[in-house]
Amino acid sequence: MSLLQQLQTKRKALKATTTTVTTESGKRFIVANATTSTPIQQQLQAQSYGFVVDTKPDTTPACILADFLYLGSQDAVNSENISAYKLTHILSVGIETPLLDSDKVVRHFLPCLDLPETLLSAHVIPAANKFINGAELARGRVLVHCNAGVSRAASIVIAYLILVRGMRYDAAYTLVKSKRECIQPNVGFIKQLKQLKLNDV
């Protein structure tokens, strides 16, 4: 029996399967792989997002510097965390701080788009470092957050470690990544962060 015949025999022995495929545009198809050589496609009526939606809240902030600097998503801004982590300051990067009933928390909002062309050193990093330094002078604890705590807020924390704490980019990135594995600053932010040095901004 030739190799081709062996493969054809094995193919006939395979079970038929169906898979739901979602395209980038959100269109959904059922693809049935039967014993025929061409898969059968059927479009579903229901549209979806063109990406996987994570519906699980990301409520736990990562402690970057003990009893002082925390990093998280917008889900981490809640009364329970303010109490549990004794947060006194909240820095919101690109997304407004959710409304809280606590008057004791100092809040600051910095507009910032998560785009590679957004210049961090022009306004965002100096304002962020000023706020974080103010929290330290007040012997407070600061949470830096953005929407997901992945790109913008992580970039701010890395910049703080480089410019204020004197760390090199690789060490700062590694520290933050070790505390919050999901961080991934966009390519433009990474390029800017790699160019920073102590007392640059």
C-alpha atoms as a PDB file:
ATOM      1  CA  MET A   1       0.000   0.000   0.000  1.00  0.00           C
ATOM      2  CA  SER A   2       1.411   3.397  -1.006  1.00  0.00           C
ATOM      3  CA  LEU A   3       1.725   6.337   1.384  1.00  0.00           C
ATOM      4  CA  LEU A   4      -1.127   8.140  -0.405  1.00  0.00           C
ATOM      5  CA  GLN A   5      -3.427   5.145   0.036  1.00  0.00           C
ATOM      6  CA  GLN A   6      -2.479   4.887   3.716  1.00  0.00           C
ATOM      7  CA  LEU A   7      -3.333   8.561   4.244  1.00  0.00           C
ATOM      8  CA  GLN A   8      -6.664   8.193   2.435  1.00  0.00           C
ATOM      9  CA  THR A   9      -7.541   5.181   4.595  1.00  0.00           C
ATOM     10  CA  LYS A  10      -6.628   7.064   7.780  1.00  0.00           C
ATOM     11  CA  ARG A  11      -8.689  10.075   6.645  1.00  0.00           C
ATOM     12  CA  LYS A  12     -11.771   7.900   6.179  1.00  0.00           C
ATOM     13  CA  ALA A  13     -11.348   6.597   9.730  1.00  0.00           C
ATOM     14  CA  LEU A  14     -11.402  10.123  11.219  1.00  0.00           C
ATOM     15  CA  LYS A  15     -14.539  11.318  12.989  1.00  0.00           C
ATOM     16  CA  ALA A  16     -16.458  14.268  11.584  1.00  0.00           C
ATOM     17  CA  THR A  17     -15.989  17.439  13.637  1.00  0.00           C
ATOM     18  CA  THR A  18     -17.536  20.891  13.779  1.00  0.00           C
ATOM     19  CA  THR A  19     -15.714  24.034  14.839  1.00  0.00           C
ATOM     20  CA  THR A  20     -17.078  27.529  15.421  1.00  0.00           C
ATOM     21  CA  VAL A  21     -14.750  30.052  13.763  1.00  0.00           C
ATOM     22  CA  THR A  22     -14.906  33.785  14.550  1.00  0.00           C
ATOM     23  CA  THR A  23     -13.255  36.168  12.078  1.00  0.00           C
ATOM     24  CA  GLU A  24     -11.593  39.495  12.938  1.00  0.00           C
ATOM     25  CA  SER A  25     -14.760  41.309  11.872  1.00  0.00           C
ATOM     26  CA  GLY A  26     -16.889  39.275  14.286  1.00  0.00           C
ATOM     27  CA  LYS A  27     -18.613  37.033  11.719  1.00  0.00           C
ATOM     28  CA  ARG A  28     -19.134  33.497  12.990  1.00  0.00           C
ATOM     29  CA  PHE A  29     -19.111  30.292  10.948  1.00  0.00           C
ATOM     30  CA  ILE A  30     -19.565  26.643  11.734  1.00  0.00           C
ATOM     31  CA  VAL A  31     -17.006  24.641   9.797  1.00  0.00           C
ATOM     32  CA  ALA A  32     -17.777  20.934   9.474  1.00  0.00           C
ATOM     33  CA  ASN A  33     -14.877  18.686   8.584  1.00  0.00           C
ATOM     34  CA  ALA A  34     -16.490  15.600   7.175  1.00  0.00           C
ATOM     35  CA  THR A  35     -14.969  12.817   5.136  1.00  0.00           C
ATOM     36  CA  THR A  36     -15.158  14.981   2.025  1.00  0.00           C
ATOM     37  CA  SER A  37     -12.036  16.825   0.943  1.00  0.00           C
ATOM     38  CA  THR A  38     -13.624  20.284   1.302  1.00  0.00           C
ATOM     39  CA  PRO A  39     -14.860  21.541   4.702  1.00  0.00           C
ATOM     40  CA  ILE A  40     -18.511  22.647   4.780  1.00  0.00           C
ATOM     41  CA  GLN A  41     -19.076  26.210   6.064  1.00  0.00           C
ATOM     42  CA  GLN A  42     -22.292  27.669   7.414  1.00  0.00           C
ATOM     43  CA  GLN A  43     -22.495  31.293   8.567  1.00  0.00           C
ATOM     44  CA  LEU A  44     -24.235  31.909  11.886  1.00  0.00           C
ATOM     45  CA  GLN A  45     -26.608  34.839  12.322  1.00  0.00           C
ATOM     46  CA  ALA A  46     -25.194  36.025  15.645  1.00  0.00           C
ATOM     47  CA  GLN A  47     -22.294  38.465  15.426  1.00  0.00           C
ATOM     48  CA  SER A  48     -19.528  38.500  17.987  1.00  0.00           C
ATOM     49  CA  TYR A  49     -16.401  40.461  18.827  1.00  0.00           C
ATOM     50  CA  GLY A  50     -13.411  39.687  16.628  1.00  0.00           C
ATOM     51  CA  PHE A  51     -11.418  38.861  19.744  1.00  0.00           C
ATOM     52  CA  VAL A  52     -11.795  36.869  22.928  1.00  0.00           C
ATOM     53  CA  VAL A  53     -13.583  38.892  25.596  1.00  0.00           C
ATOM     54  CA  ASP A  54     -12.271  38.373  29.100  1.00  0.00           C
ATOM     55  CA  THR A  55     -15.291  38.822  31.341  1.00  0.00           C
ATOM     56  CA  LYS A  56     -13.456  37.951  34.550  1.00  0.00           C
ATOM     57  CA  PRO A  57     -12.652  41.111  36.574  1.00  0.00           C
ATOM     58  CA  ASP A  58      -8.966  41.845  37.231  1.00  0.00           C
ATOM     59  CA  THR A  59      -9.363  43.178  40.765  1.00  0.00           C
ATOM     60  CA  THR A  60      -6.022  42.417  42.430  1.00  0.00           C
ATOM     61  CA  PRO A  61      -3.341  45.107  42.122  1.00  0.00           C
ATOM     62  CA  ALA A  62       0.304  44.060  41.904  1.00  0.00           C
ATOM     63  CA  CYS A  63       2.641  45.402  44.586  1.00  0.00           C
ATOM     64  CA  ILE A  64       5.663  46.800  42.732  1.00  0.00           C
ATOM     65  CA  LEU A  65       7.407  48.489  45.672  1.00  0.00           C
ATOM     66  CA  ALA A  66       6.482  47.168  49.118  1.00  0.00           C
ATOM     67  CA  ASP A  67       3.853  49.197  50.976  1.00  0.00           C
ATOM     68  CA  PHE A  68       4.039  51.999  48.420  1.00  0.00           C
ATOM     69  CA  LEU A  69       3.575  51.450  44.667  1.00  0.00           C
ATOM     70  CA  TYR A  70       0.835  49.286  43.151  1.00  0.00           C
ATOM     71  CA  LEU A  71      -0.155  48.596  39.535  1.00  0.00           C
ATOM     72  CA  GLY A  72      -3.492  47.353  38.243  1.00  0.00           C
ATOM     73  CA  SER A  73      -6.456  47.669  35.931  1.00  0.00           C
ATOM     74  CA  GLN A  74      -9.525  49.844  36.417  1.00  0.00           C
ATOM     75  CA  ASP A  75     -11.165  46.843  38.120  1.00  0.00           C
ATOM     76  CA  ALA A  76      -8.638  47.204  40.965  1.00  0.00           C
ATOM     77  CA  VAL A  77     -10.064  50.612  41.885  1.00  0.00           C
ATOM     78  CA  ASN A  78     -12.635  49.658  44.487  1.00  0.00           C
ATOM     79  CA  SER A  79     -13.393  50.280  48.140  1.00  0.00           C
ATOM     80  CA  GLU A  80     -12.227  46.812  49.164  1.00  0.00           C
ATOM     81  CA  ASN A  81      -8.745  47.363  47.718  1.00  0.00           C
ATOM     82  CA  ILE A  82      -8.475  50.863  49.161  1.00  0.00           C
ATOM     83  CA  SER A  83      -9.089  49.368  52.566  1.00  0.00           C
ATOM     84  CA  ALA A  84      -7.075  46.143  52.129  1.00  0.00           C
ATOM     85  CA  TYR A  85      -3.975  47.816  50.654  1.00  0.00           C
ATOM     86  CA  LYS A  86      -4.371  51.088  52.610  1.00  0.00           C
ATOM     87  CA  LEU A  87      -4.286  53.081  49.371  1.00  0.00           C
ATOM     88  CA  THR A  88      -4.129  56.855  49.773  1.00  0.00           C
ATOM     89  CA  HIS A  89      -3.513  57.936  46.164  1.00  0.00           C
ATOM     90  CA  ILE A  90      -4.899  56.728  42.824  1.00  0.00           C
ATOM     91  CA  LEU A  91      -3.332  57.723  39.508  1.00  0.00           C
ATOM     92  CA  SER A  92      -5.619  57.044  36.548  1.00  0.00           C
ATOM     93  CA  VAL A  93      -3.849  56.944  33.184  1.00  0.00           C
ATOM     94  CA  GLY A  94      -6.083  57.402  30.150  1.00  0.00           C
ATOM     95  CA  ILE A  95      -9.286  56.426  31.940  1.00  0.00           C
ATOM     96  CA  GLU A  96     -11.086  58.335  34.666  1.00  0.00           C
ATOM     97  CA  THR A  97     -11.045  56.940  38.178  1.00  0.00           C
ATOM     98  CA  PRO A  98     -14.266  55.104  38.941  1.00  0.00           C
ATOM     99  CA  LEU A  99     -16.407  56.983  41.444  1.00  0.00           C
ATOM    100  CA  LEU A 100     -15.712  55.962  45.014  1.00  0.00           C
ATOM    101  CA  ASP A 101     -17.395  56.938  48.239  1.00  0.00           C
ATOM    102  CA  SER A 102     -14.048  57.436  49.974  1.00  0.00           C
ATOM    103  CA  ASP A 103     -13.029  61.073  50.538  1.00  0.00           C
ATOM    104  CA  LYS A 104      -9.661  60.031  51.925  1.00  0.00           C
ATOM    105  CA  VAL A 105      -8.170  59.042  48.567  1.00  0.00           C
ATOM    106  CA  VAL A 106      -6.271  61.620  46.513  1.00  0.00           C
ATOM    107  CA  ARG A 107      -7.063  61.077  42.829  1.00  0.00           C
ATOM    108  CA  HIS A 108      -5.397  62.320  39.685  1.00  0.00           C
ATOM    109  CA  PHE A 109      -6.315  61.704  36.043  1.00  0.00           C
ATOM    110  CA  LEU A 110      -3.801  61.884  33.191  1.00  0.00           C
ATOM    111  CA  PRO A 111      -5.137  61.822  29.621  1.00  0.00           C
ATOM    112  CA  CYS A 112      -3.089  59.325  27.607  1.00  0.00           C
ATOM    113  CA  LEU A 113      -3.953  57.264  24.534  1.00  0.00           C
ATOM    114  CA  ASP A 114      -2.521  53.766  24.227  1.00  0.00           C
ATOM    115  CA  LEU A 115      -0.990  54.478  20.822  1.00  0.00           C
ATOM    116  CA  PRO A 116       2.659  54.029  19.804  1.00  0.00           C
ATOM    117  CA  GLU A 117       2.834  57.670  18.696  1.00  0.00           C
ATOM    118  CA  THR A 118       1.701  59.066  22.082  1.00  0.00           C
ATOM    119  CA  LEU A 119       4.633  60.982  23.591  1.00  0.00           C
ATOM    120  CA  LEU A 120       4.983  60.059  27.243  1.00  0.00           C
ATOM    121  CA  SER A 121       7.880  62.323  28.185  1.00  0.00           C
ATOM    122  CA  ALA A 122       6.187  65.549  27.050  1.00  0.00           C
ATOM    123  CA  HIS A 123       3.570  65.698  29.816  1.00  0.00           C
ATOM    124  CA  VAL A 124       2.442  62.290  31.029  1.00  0.00           C
ATOM    125  CA  ILE A 125       5.616  61.013  32.718  1.00  0.00           C
ATOM    126  CA  PRO A 126       6.513  64.306  34.478  1.00  0.00           C
ATOM    127  CA  ALA A 127       2.964  64.697  35.822  1.00  0.00           C
ATOM    128  CA  ALA A 128       2.826  61.044  36.895  1.00  0.00           C
ATOM    129  CA  ASN A 129       6.173  61.200  38.687  1.00  0.00           C
ATOM    130  CA  LYS A 130       5.141  64.400  40.450  1.00  0.00           C
ATOM    131  CA  PHE A 131       1.970  62.698  41.714  1.00  0.00           C
ATOM    132  CA  ILE A 132       3.795  59.509  42.774  1.00  0.00           C
ATOM    133  CA  ASN A 133       6.510  61.544  44.528  1.00  0.00           C
ATOM    134  CA  GLY A 134       3.787  63.501  46.322  1.00  0.00           C
ATOM    135  CA  ALA A 135       2.278  60.250  47.562  1.00  0.00           C
ATOM    136  CA  GLU A 136       5.677  59.153  48.853  1.00  0.00           C
ATOM    137  CA  LEU A 137       6.255  62.471  50.638  1.00  0.00           C
ATOM    138  CA  ALA A 138       2.862  62.063  52.320  1.00  0.00           C
ATOM    139  CA  ARG A 139       3.910  58.526  53.357  1.00  0.00           C
ATOM    140  CA  GLY A 140       1.017  57.213  51.306  1.00  0.00           C
ATOM    141  CA  ARG A 141       0.397  54.265  49.030  1.00  0.00           C
ATOM    142  CA  VAL A 142      -0.364  54.825  45.362  1.00  0.00           C
ATOM    143  CA  LEU A 143      -2.188  52.670  42.819  1.00  0.00           C
ATOM    144  CA  VAL A 144      -1.372  53.415  39.167  1.00  0.00           C
ATOM    145  CA  HIS A 145      -4.008  52.059  36.797  1.00  0.00           C
ATOM    146  CA  CYS A 146      -5.280  52.318  33.247  1.00  0.00           C
ATOM    147  CA  ASN A 147      -8.011  50.318  31.541  1.00  0.00           C
ATOM    148  CA  ALA A 148      -6.303  46.910  31.659  1.00  0.00           C
ATOM    149  CA  GLY A 149      -3.106  47.647  33.587  1.00  0.00           C
ATOM    150  CA  VAL A 150      -1.113  46.270  30.674  1.00  0.00           C
ATOM    151  CA  SER A 151       0.368  49.122  28.609  1.00  0.00           C
ATOM    152  CA  ARG A 152      -0.168  52.701  29.832  1.00  0.00           C
ATOM    153  CA  ALA A 153      -0.037  52.219  33.612  1.00  0.00           C
ATOM    154  CA  ALA A 154       2.796  49.699  33.275  1.00  0.00           C
ATOM    155  CA  SER A 155       4.766  52.221  31.194  1.00  0.00           C
ATOM    156  CA  ILE A 156       4.269  54.909  33.841  1.00  0.00           C
ATOM    157  CA  VAL A 157       5.495  52.590  36.603  1.00  0.00           C
ATOM    158  CA  ILE A 158       8.531  51.520  34.547  1.00  0.00           C
ATOM    159  CA  ALA A 159       9.340  55.183  33.775  1.00  0.00           C
ATOM    160  CA  TYR A 160       9.114  56.013  37.492  1.00  0.00           C
ATOM    161  CA  LEU A 161      11.535  53.199  38.349  1.00  0.00           C
ATOM    162  CA  ILE A 162      13.994  54.446  35.711  1.00  0.00           C
ATOM    163  CA  LEU A 163      13.759  58.194  36.314  1.00  0.00           C
ATOM    164  CA  VAL A 164      13.225  58.368  40.069  1.00  0.00           C
ATOM    165  CA  ARG A 165      14.635  55.101  41.404  1.00  0.00           C
ATOM    166  CA  GLY A 166      17.596  55.009  39.004  1.00  0.00           C
ATOM    167  CA  MET A 167      16.938  51.584  37.498  1.00  0.00           C
ATOM    168  CA  ARG A 168      17.929  50.652  33.958  1.00  0.00           C
ATOM    169  CA  TYR A 169      15.139  49.791  31.526  1.00  0.00           C
ATOM    170  CA  ASP A 170      15.761  46.024  31.554  1.00  0.00           C
ATOM    171  CA  ALA A 171      15.782  45.834  35.356  1.00  0.00           C
ATOM    172  CA  ALA A 172      12.677  48.023  35.691  1.00  0.00           C
ATOM    173  CA  TYR A 173      10.762  46.051  33.053  1.00  0.00           C
ATOM    174  CA  THR A 174      11.793  42.718  34.594  1.00  0.00           C
ATOM    175  CA  LEU A 175      10.714  43.838  38.071  1.00  0.00           C
ATOM    176  CA  VAL A 176       7.288  45.007  36.902  1.00  0.00           C
ATOM    177  CA  LYS A 177       6.810  41.905  34.717  1.00  0.00           C
ATOM    178  CA  SER A 178       7.686  39.659  37.675  1.00  0.00           C
ATOM    179  CA  LYS A 179       4.953  41.303  39.755  1.00  0.00           C
ATOM    180  CA  ARG A 180       2.319  41.569  36.998  1.00  0.00           C
ATOM    181  CA  GLU A 181       2.931  39.035  34.240  1.00  0.00           C
ATOM    182  CA  CYS A 182       0.357  40.441  31.808  1.00  0.00           C
ATOM    183  CA  ILE A 183       2.119  43.777  31.213  1.00  0.00           C
ATOM    184  CA  GLN A 184       2.887  44.607  27.599  1.00  0.00           C
ATOM    185  CA  PRO A 185       3.559  48.268  26.815  1.00  0.00           C
ATOM    186  CA  ASN A 186       2.961  49.068  23.163  1.00  0.00           C
ATOM    187  CA  VAL A 187       5.988  49.212  20.841  1.00  0.00           C
ATOM    188  CA  GLY A 188       6.120  53.012  20.851  1.00  0.00           C
ATOM    189  CA  PHE A 189       6.109  53.156  24.649  1.00  0.00           C
ATOM    190  CA  ILE A 190       8.865  50.532  24.871  1.00  0.00           C
ATOM    191  CA  LYS A 191      11.020  52.531  22.458  1.00  0.00           C
ATOM    192  CA  GLN A 192      10.530  55.676  24.559  1.00  0.00           C
ATOM    193  CA  LEU A 193      11.180  53.863  27.848  1.00  0.00           C
ATOM    194  CA  LYS A 194      14.447  52.405  26.550  1.00  0.00           C
ATOM    195  CA  GLN A 195      15.705  55.940  25.881  1.00  0.00           C
ATOM    196  CA  LEU A 196      15.041  57.193  29.427  1.00  0.00           C
ATOM    197  CA  LYS A 197      17.811  57.726  31.965  1.00  0.00           C
ATOM    198  CA  LEU A 198      17.864  58.882  35.597  1.00  0.00           C
ATOM    199  CA  ASN A 199      16.794  62.557  35.883  1.00  0.00           C
ATOM    200  CA  ASP A 200      15.957  62.792  32.156  1.00  0.00           C
ATOM    201  CA  VAL A 201      12.488  64.284  32.467  1.00  0.00           C
END
